[in-house]
Amino acid sequence: MKRHLAIGDIHGCITALTTLVDFVVFHADDTIVTLGDYVDRGPDSRAVLDFLIDFGKSHNHVPLRGNHEIMMLDARDKKSWFQPWMGYGGDATLNSYSPADDVAGSFTDVPDSHFDFLENKLFSYYECASHFFVHANADANVALDDQTDATLYWKKYRNPEQHRSEKIMICGHTPQQSGYPLSNGHSICIDTFAHGGGWLSCLDVESGTIWQANEKGDRRSFMMGEKR
């Protein structure tokens, strides 16, 4: 059976990402949806973007846009956004582009391919027959095509109502510091705090299998709803 697999907020955690990809073992007919927030806070945003751009050449990868990608582009284009972005982890992102240990990174060090990915290759949402995928949230009574940016990219996960489509929502954005995804039956948040010492999660939405990896290279797997 074809699988739809969602990967939560990566935030520059390249070790967790590569460990997770090796752990899951993707199939040729899998659809892999990454939920956004590839940059900021973690140690190597540059490596994460390099990996994802290359990953999309050999896998059916659907990369969603997160609020941190929006902030990075805004910081590049609007001087007023630069310092706020620094406070949200942009400093770690630019450090990952530094040309030398004693030289600060800058936007001039970011490859054109990375800006092209951030500006032109990201999606606002994705849906399949039974689920839909967003970065942050969705208003229950609004069609996916009509959702606002404030909801899709910024609204926290706080026991949302079931969407009118009756599909299950898969999202990230709101870090679950427990290290485990949070579900209310019709929505699942899989941001499990990778950048803060937690785990990066991959969920097979059809089977409920969850694989996790962290920046130490540790791995674990369990079923959604399994008692722990």
C-alpha atoms as a PDB file:
ATOM      1  CA  MET A   1       0.000   0.000   0.000  1.00  0.00           C
ATOM      2  CA  LYS A   2       1.228   3.481  -0.809  1.00  0.00           C
ATOM      3  CA  ARG A   3       2.281   5.356   2.287  1.00  0.00           C
ATOM      4  CA  HIS A   4       1.955   9.019   3.235  1.00  0.00           C
ATOM      5  CA  LEU A   5       4.656   9.938   5.715  1.00  0.00           C
ATOM      6  CA  ALA A   6       4.928  13.260   7.529  1.00  0.00           C
ATOM      7  CA  ILE A   7       8.114  14.644   9.077  1.00  0.00           C
ATOM      8  CA  GLY A   8       7.845  17.340  11.736  1.00  0.00           C
ATOM      9  CA  ASP A   9       9.783  20.562  12.307  1.00  0.00           C
ATOM     10  CA  ILE A  10      13.490  19.995  11.555  1.00  0.00           C
ATOM     11  CA  HIS A  11      14.950  23.369  12.637  1.00  0.00           C
ATOM     12  CA  GLY A  12      18.485  22.794  11.392  1.00  0.00           C
ATOM     13  CA  CYS A  13      18.872  19.384  13.063  1.00  0.00           C
ATOM     14  CA  ILE A  14      20.757  17.613  10.305  1.00  0.00           C
ATOM     15  CA  THR A  15      21.917  14.648  12.396  1.00  0.00           C
ATOM     16  CA  ALA A  16      18.362  13.915  13.511  1.00  0.00           C
ATOM     17  CA  LEU A  17      17.150  14.229   9.905  1.00  0.00           C
ATOM     18  CA  THR A  18      19.718  11.938   8.304  1.00  0.00           C
ATOM     19  CA  THR A  19      19.371   9.404  11.126  1.00  0.00           C
ATOM     20  CA  LEU A  20      15.580   9.432  10.722  1.00  0.00           C
ATOM     21  CA  VAL A  21      15.726   8.989   6.945  1.00  0.00           C
ATOM     22  CA  ASP A  22      18.031   5.985   7.336  1.00  0.00           C
ATOM     23  CA  PHE A  23      15.777   4.549  10.046  1.00  0.00           C
ATOM     24  CA  VAL A  24      12.452   4.797   8.184  1.00  0.00           C
ATOM     25  CA  VAL A  25      13.627   3.276   4.875  1.00  0.00           C
ATOM     26  CA  PHE A  26      11.434   5.026   2.309  1.00  0.00           C
ATOM     27  CA  HIS A  27       9.850   3.156  -0.600  1.00  0.00           C
ATOM     28  CA  ALA A  28       9.703   4.326  -4.199  1.00  0.00           C
ATOM     29  CA  ASP A  29       5.954   4.984  -4.044  1.00  0.00           C
ATOM     30  CA  ASP A  30       5.951   6.803  -0.682  1.00  0.00           C
ATOM     31  CA  THR A  31       4.833  10.418  -0.461  1.00  0.00           C
ATOM     32  CA  ILE A  32       6.945  12.222   2.122  1.00  0.00           C
ATOM     33  CA  VAL A  33       5.545  15.499   3.434  1.00  0.00           C
ATOM     34  CA  THR A  34       7.878  17.709   5.459  1.00  0.00           C
ATOM     35  CA  LEU A  35       5.861  20.165   7.538  1.00  0.00           C
ATOM     36  CA  GLY A  36       8.135  23.209   7.342  1.00  0.00           C
ATOM     37  CA  ASP A  37      10.498  25.023   9.699  1.00  0.00           C
ATOM     38  CA  TYR A  38      13.643  23.632   8.124  1.00  0.00           C
ATOM     39  CA  VAL A  39      15.759  26.570   9.315  1.00  0.00           C
ATOM     40  CA  ASP A  40      16.587  28.437  12.546  1.00  0.00           C
ATOM     41  CA  ARG A  41      17.504  27.423  16.097  1.00  0.00           C
ATOM     42  CA  GLY A  42      19.274  24.146  15.298  1.00  0.00           C
ATOM     43  CA  PRO A  43      22.956  23.748  14.401  1.00  0.00           C
ATOM     44  CA  ASP A  44      23.012  23.373  10.602  1.00  0.00           C
ATOM     45  CA  SER A  45      20.173  24.880   8.568  1.00  0.00           C
ATOM     46  CA  ARG A  46      22.416  25.016   5.511  1.00  0.00           C
ATOM     47  CA  ALA A  47      22.981  21.258   5.583  1.00  0.00           C
ATOM     48  CA  VAL A  48      19.259  20.630   6.076  1.00  0.00           C
ATOM     49  CA  LEU A  49      18.356  22.651   2.977  1.00  0.00           C
ATOM     50  CA  ASP A  50      21.107  20.968   0.951  1.00  0.00           C
ATOM     51  CA  PHE A  51      19.752  17.586   2.039  1.00  0.00           C
ATOM     52  CA  LEU A  52      16.109  18.377   1.263  1.00  0.00           C
ATOM     53  CA  ILE A  53      16.880  19.830  -2.169  1.00  0.00           C
ATOM     54  CA  ASP A  54      18.795  16.657  -3.055  1.00  0.00           C
ATOM     55  CA  PHE A  55      16.170  14.411  -1.411  1.00  0.00           C
ATOM     56  CA  GLY A  56      13.486  15.807  -3.707  1.00  0.00           C
ATOM     57  CA  LYS A  57      15.411  14.627  -6.754  1.00  0.00           C
ATOM     58  CA  SER A  58      15.018  10.961  -5.796  1.00  0.00           C
ATOM     59  CA  HIS A  59      11.830  10.866  -3.691  1.00  0.00           C
ATOM     60  CA  ASN A  60       8.236  12.046  -3.953  1.00  0.00           C
ATOM     61  CA  HIS A  61       8.820  14.892  -1.516  1.00  0.00           C
ATOM     62  CA  VAL A  62       6.199  17.532  -0.697  1.00  0.00           C
ATOM     63  CA  PRO A  63       7.910  20.319   1.273  1.00  0.00           C
ATOM     64  CA  LEU A  64       5.513  22.613   3.111  1.00  0.00           C
ATOM     65  CA  ARG A  65       6.270  26.190   4.085  1.00  0.00           C
ATOM     66  CA  GLY A  66       6.758  27.066   7.754  1.00  0.00           C
ATOM     67  CA  ASN A  67       6.738  30.395   9.535  1.00  0.00           C
ATOM     68  CA  HIS A  68      10.533  30.272   9.929  1.00  0.00           C
ATOM     69  CA  GLU A  69      11.010  30.131   6.162  1.00  0.00           C
ATOM     70  CA  ILE A  70       8.733  33.169   5.916  1.00  0.00           C
ATOM     71  CA  MET A  71      10.754  34.991   8.580  1.00  0.00           C
ATOM     72  CA  MET A  72      14.050  34.219   6.863  1.00  0.00           C
ATOM     73  CA  LEU A  73      12.868  35.692   3.568  1.00  0.00           C
ATOM     74  CA  ASP A  74      11.321  38.684   5.323  1.00  0.00           C
ATOM     75  CA  ALA A  75      14.592  39.313   7.157  1.00  0.00           C
ATOM     76  CA  ARG A  76      16.438  39.305   3.848  1.00  0.00           C
ATOM     77  CA  ASP A  77      13.980  41.705   2.189  1.00  0.00           C
ATOM     78  CA  LYS A  78      12.936  43.971   5.070  1.00  0.00           C
ATOM     79  CA  LYS A  79      15.507  45.536   7.401  1.00  0.00           C
ATOM     80  CA  SER A  80      12.887  45.847  10.129  1.00  0.00           C
ATOM     81  CA  TRP A  81      12.589  42.035  10.264  1.00  0.00           C
ATOM     82  CA  PHE A  82      16.288  41.260  10.608  1.00  0.00           C
ATOM     83  CA  GLN A  83      16.708  41.713  14.361  1.00  0.00           C
ATOM     84  CA  PRO A  84      13.414  39.991  15.244  1.00  0.00           C
ATOM     85  CA  TRP A  85      14.479  37.033  13.095  1.00  0.00           C
ATOM     86  CA  MET A  86      17.788  36.880  14.956  1.00  0.00           C
ATOM     87  CA  GLY A  87      15.806  36.420  18.145  1.00  0.00           C
ATOM     88  CA  TYR A  88      13.848  33.535  16.636  1.00  0.00           C
ATOM     89  CA  GLY A  89      16.941  31.537  15.726  1.00  0.00           C
ATOM     90  CA  GLY A  90      18.073  33.313  12.585  1.00  0.00           C
ATOM     91  CA  ASP A  91      21.511  33.793  14.117  1.00  0.00           C
ATOM     92  CA  ALA A  92      22.036  30.020  14.082  1.00  0.00           C
ATOM     93  CA  THR A  93      20.928  29.890  10.445  1.00  0.00           C
ATOM     94  CA  LEU A  94      23.400  32.541   9.284  1.00  0.00           C
ATOM     95  CA  ASN A  95      26.142  30.908  11.360  1.00  0.00           C
ATOM     96  CA  SER A  96      25.609  27.720   9.356  1.00  0.00           C
ATOM     97  CA  TYR A  97      26.485  29.666   6.177  1.00  0.00           C
ATOM     98  CA  SER A  98      29.671  31.143   7.646  1.00  0.00           C
ATOM     99  CA  PRO A  99      32.588  30.793   5.199  1.00  0.00           C
ATOM    100  CA  ALA A 100      35.069  30.346   8.074  1.00  0.00           C
ATOM    101  CA  ASP A 101      34.999  29.716  11.817  1.00  0.00           C
ATOM    102  CA  ASP A 102      35.921  33.292  12.678  1.00  0.00           C
ATOM    103  CA  VAL A 103      33.690  34.947  10.059  1.00  0.00           C
ATOM    104  CA  ALA A 104      29.998  35.690  10.568  1.00  0.00           C
ATOM    105  CA  GLY A 105      27.666  34.342   7.917  1.00  0.00           C
ATOM    106  CA  SER A 106      25.393  36.652   5.924  1.00  0.00           C
ATOM    107  CA  PHE A 107      22.674  36.461   3.298  1.00  0.00           C
ATOM    108  CA  THR A 108      25.340  36.832   0.593  1.00  0.00           C
ATOM    109  CA  ASP A 109      26.649  33.400   1.653  1.00  0.00           C
ATOM    110  CA  VAL A 110      23.282  31.691   1.039  1.00  0.00           C
ATOM    111  CA  PRO A 111      23.305  29.836  -2.326  1.00  0.00           C
ATOM    112  CA  ASP A 112      20.774  30.847  -4.961  1.00  0.00           C
ATOM    113  CA  SER A 113      19.467  27.275  -4.930  1.00  0.00           C
ATOM    114  CA  HIS A 114      18.456  27.683  -1.290  1.00  0.00           C
ATOM    115  CA  PHE A 115      16.560  30.904  -1.925  1.00  0.00           C
ATOM    116  CA  ASP A 116      14.904  29.292  -4.943  1.00  0.00           C
ATOM    117  CA  PHE A 117      13.777  26.390  -2.754  1.00  0.00           C
ATOM    118  CA  LEU A 118      12.429  28.724  -0.056  1.00  0.00           C
ATOM    119  CA  GLU A 119      10.675  31.062  -2.476  1.00  0.00           C
ATOM    120  CA  ASN A 120       9.429  28.752  -5.213  1.00  0.00           C
ATOM    121  CA  LYS A 121       9.352  25.116  -4.118  1.00  0.00           C
ATOM    122  CA  LEU A 122       7.313  25.143  -0.892  1.00  0.00           C
ATOM    123  CA  PHE A 123       3.588  24.409  -0.578  1.00  0.00           C
ATOM    124  CA  SER A 124       1.013  25.891   1.784  1.00  0.00           C
ATOM    125  CA  TYR A 125      -0.709  22.541   2.398  1.00  0.00           C
ATOM    126  CA  TYR A 126      -1.115  19.031   0.997  1.00  0.00           C
ATOM    127  CA  GLU A 127      -4.001  16.570   1.189  1.00  0.00           C
ATOM    128  CA  CYS A 128      -4.672  12.932   0.407  1.00  0.00           C
ATOM    129  CA  ALA A 129      -7.876  10.890   0.652  1.00  0.00           C
ATOM    130  CA  SER A 130      -7.940  10.681   4.441  1.00  0.00           C
ATOM    131  CA  HIS A 131      -5.607  13.380   5.784  1.00  0.00           C
ATOM    132  CA  PHE A 132      -4.395  16.896   5.136  1.00  0.00           C
ATOM    133  CA  PHE A 133      -1.059  18.378   6.097  1.00  0.00           C
ATOM    134  CA  VAL A 134      -0.295  21.935   7.198  1.00  0.00           C
ATOM    135  CA  HIS A 135       2.548  23.591   9.041  1.00  0.00           C
ATOM    136  CA  ALA A 136       0.652  25.084  11.966  1.00  0.00           C
ATOM    137  CA  ASN A 137      -3.136  24.776  11.889  1.00  0.00           C
ATOM    138  CA  ALA A 138      -6.368  25.143   9.890  1.00  0.00           C
ATOM    139  CA  ASP A 139      -9.632  26.868  10.686  1.00  0.00           C
ATOM    140  CA  ALA A 140     -12.255  24.144  10.942  1.00  0.00           C
ATOM    141  CA  ASN A 141     -14.955  25.934   8.922  1.00  0.00           C
ATOM    142  CA  VAL A 142     -12.746  27.258   6.115  1.00  0.00           C
ATOM    143  CA  ALA A 143     -11.756  25.379   2.949  1.00  0.00           C
ATOM    144  CA  LEU A 144      -8.046  24.643   2.690  1.00  0.00           C
ATOM    145  CA  ASP A 145      -7.669  26.893  -0.344  1.00  0.00           C
ATOM    146  CA  ASP A 146      -9.103  29.797   1.661  1.00  0.00           C
ATOM    147  CA  GLN A 147      -7.091  29.489   4.868  1.00  0.00           C
ATOM    148  CA  THR A 148      -5.252  32.623   5.991  1.00  0.00           C
ATOM    149  CA  ASP A 149      -1.478  32.765   6.323  1.00  0.00           C
ATOM    150  CA  ALA A 150      -1.941  33.603  10.007  1.00  0.00           C
ATOM    151  CA  THR A 151      -3.662  30.254  10.529  1.00  0.00           C
ATOM    152  CA  LEU A 152      -1.564  28.060   8.225  1.00  0.00           C
ATOM    153  CA  TYR A 153       1.796  29.269   9.502  1.00  0.00           C
ATOM    154  CA  TRP A 154       1.347  30.835  12.937  1.00  0.00           C
ATOM    155  CA  LYS A 155      -1.711  29.526  14.840  1.00  0.00           C
ATOM    156  CA  LYS A 156      -0.822  27.310  17.794  1.00  0.00           C
ATOM    157  CA  TYR A 157      -2.189  23.803  18.223  1.00  0.00           C
ATOM    158  CA  ARG A 158      -4.714  23.963  21.080  1.00  0.00           C
ATOM    159  CA  ASN A 159      -7.228  21.123  20.701  1.00  0.00           C
ATOM    160  CA  PRO A 160      -8.569  22.288  17.307  1.00  0.00           C
ATOM    161  CA  GLU A 161     -12.039  21.361  16.095  1.00  0.00           C
ATOM    162  CA  GLN A 162     -12.473  18.797  13.336  1.00  0.00           C
ATOM    163  CA  HIS A 163     -12.096  20.299   9.890  1.00  0.00           C
ATOM    164  CA  ARG A 164     -15.186  20.453   7.686  1.00  0.00           C
ATOM    165  CA  SER A 165     -13.545  18.050   5.229  1.00  0.00           C
ATOM    166  CA  GLU A 166     -13.658  15.393   7.995  1.00  0.00           C
ATOM    167  CA  LYS A 167     -10.061  14.548   7.124  1.00  0.00           C
ATOM    168  CA  ILE A 168      -7.469  14.180   9.878  1.00  0.00           C
ATOM    169  CA  MET A 169      -5.107  17.158  10.162  1.00  0.00           C
ATOM    170  CA  ILE A 170      -1.359  16.541  10.482  1.00  0.00           C
ATOM    171  CA  CYS A 171       0.616  19.583  11.658  1.00  0.00           C
ATOM    172  CA  GLY A 172       3.751  20.782  13.401  1.00  0.00           C
ATOM    173  CA  HIS A 173       4.704  24.239  14.695  1.00  0.00           C
ATOM    174  CA  THR A 174       3.681  23.781  18.342  1.00  0.00           C
ATOM    175  CA  PRO A 175       6.543  21.912  20.055  1.00  0.00           C
ATOM    176  CA  GLN A 176       5.539  18.950  22.183  1.00  0.00           C
ATOM    177  CA  GLN A 177       8.266  19.001  24.790  1.00  0.00           C
ATOM    178  CA  SER A 178       7.231  15.551  25.971  1.00  0.00           C
ATOM    179  CA  GLY A 179       8.885  14.211  22.827  1.00  0.00           C
ATOM    180  CA  TYR A 180       5.648  12.499  21.750  1.00  0.00           C
ATOM    181  CA  PRO A 181       3.064  13.582  19.152  1.00  0.00           C
ATOM    182  CA  LEU A 182      -0.220  14.962  20.476  1.00  0.00           C
ATOM    183  CA  SER A 183      -3.577  13.847  19.083  1.00  0.00           C
ATOM    184  CA  ASN A 184      -7.212  14.650  19.803  1.00  0.00           C
ATOM    185  CA  GLY A 185      -8.539  12.029  17.379  1.00  0.00           C
ATOM    186  CA  HIS A 186      -9.039  14.266  14.344  1.00  0.00           C
ATOM    187  CA  SER A 187      -5.709  16.118  14.419  1.00  0.00           C
ATOM    188  CA  ILE A 188      -2.121  15.199  15.248  1.00  0.00           C
ATOM    189  CA  CYS A 189       0.771  17.555  16.031  1.00  0.00           C
ATOM    190  CA  ILE A 190       4.154  15.960  15.338  1.00  0.00           C
ATOM    191  CA  ASP A 191       6.543  18.776  16.265  1.00  0.00           C
ATOM    192  CA  THR A 192       8.402  16.900  18.993  1.00  0.00           C
ATOM    193  CA  PHE A 193      11.025  19.541  19.858  1.00  0.00           C
ATOM    194  CA  ALA A 194      13.996  18.293  17.817  1.00  0.00           C
ATOM    195  CA  HIS A 195      15.961  21.525  18.242  1.00  0.00           C
ATOM    196  CA  GLY A 196      15.412  21.640  22.010  1.00  0.00           C
ATOM    197  CA  GLY A 197      16.799  18.236  22.895  1.00  0.00           C
ATOM    198  CA  GLY A 198      13.693  16.300  21.877  1.00  0.00           C
ATOM    199  CA  TRP A 199      13.016  14.145  18.822  1.00  0.00           C
ATOM    200  CA  LEU A 200      12.360  14.541  15.112  1.00  0.00           C
ATOM    201  CA  SER A 201       9.273  12.491  14.222  1.00  0.00           C
ATOM    202  CA  CYS A 202       8.070  10.735  11.081  1.00  0.00           C
ATOM    203  CA  LEU A 203       4.454   9.503  11.074  1.00  0.00           C
ATOM    204  CA  ASP A 204       2.991   6.957   8.676  1.00  0.00           C
ATOM    205  CA  VAL A 205      -0.535   8.363   8.644  1.00  0.00           C
ATOM    206  CA  GLU A 206      -2.134   5.154   7.360  1.00  0.00           C
ATOM    207  CA  SER A 207      -0.606   2.705   9.849  1.00  0.00           C
ATOM    208  CA  GLY A 208       0.064   5.029  12.788  1.00  0.00           C
ATOM    209  CA  THR A 209       3.714   3.982  12.980  1.00  0.00           C
ATOM    210  CA  ILE A 210       6.046   6.661  14.340  1.00  0.00           C
ATOM    211  CA  TRP A 211       9.811   6.701  13.897  1.00  0.00           C
ATOM    212  CA  GLN A 212      11.961   9.185  15.804  1.00  0.00           C
ATOM    213  CA  ALA A 213      15.600  10.284  15.865  1.00  0.00           C
ATOM    214  CA  ASN A 214      17.481  12.988  17.752  1.00  0.00           C
ATOM    215  CA  GLU A 215      20.652  15.034  17.411  1.00  0.00           C
ATOM    216  CA  LYS A 216      22.602  12.449  19.402  1.00  0.00           C
ATOM    217  CA  GLY A 217      21.811   9.882  16.713  1.00  0.00           C
ATOM    218  CA  ASP A 218      19.425   7.904  18.943  1.00  0.00           C
ATOM    219  CA  ARG A 219      16.414   6.193  17.357  1.00  0.00           C
ATOM    220  CA  ARG A 220      13.113   4.772  18.574  1.00  0.00           C
ATOM    221  CA  SER A 221       9.796   3.632  17.088  1.00  0.00           C
ATOM    222  CA  PHE A 222       6.278   3.047  18.394  1.00  0.00           C
ATOM    223  CA  MET A 223       2.634   3.148  17.350  1.00  0.00           C
ATOM    224  CA  MET A 224       0.475   6.264  17.666  1.00  0.00           C
ATOM    225  CA  GLY A 225      -1.594   5.921  20.835  1.00  0.00           C
ATOM    226  CA  GLU A 226       0.647   3.210  22.258  1.00  0.00           C
ATOM    227  CA  LYS A 227       0.909   3.339  26.044  1.00  0.00           C
ATOM    228  CA  ARG A 228       4.331   4.497  27.191  1.00  0.00           C
END
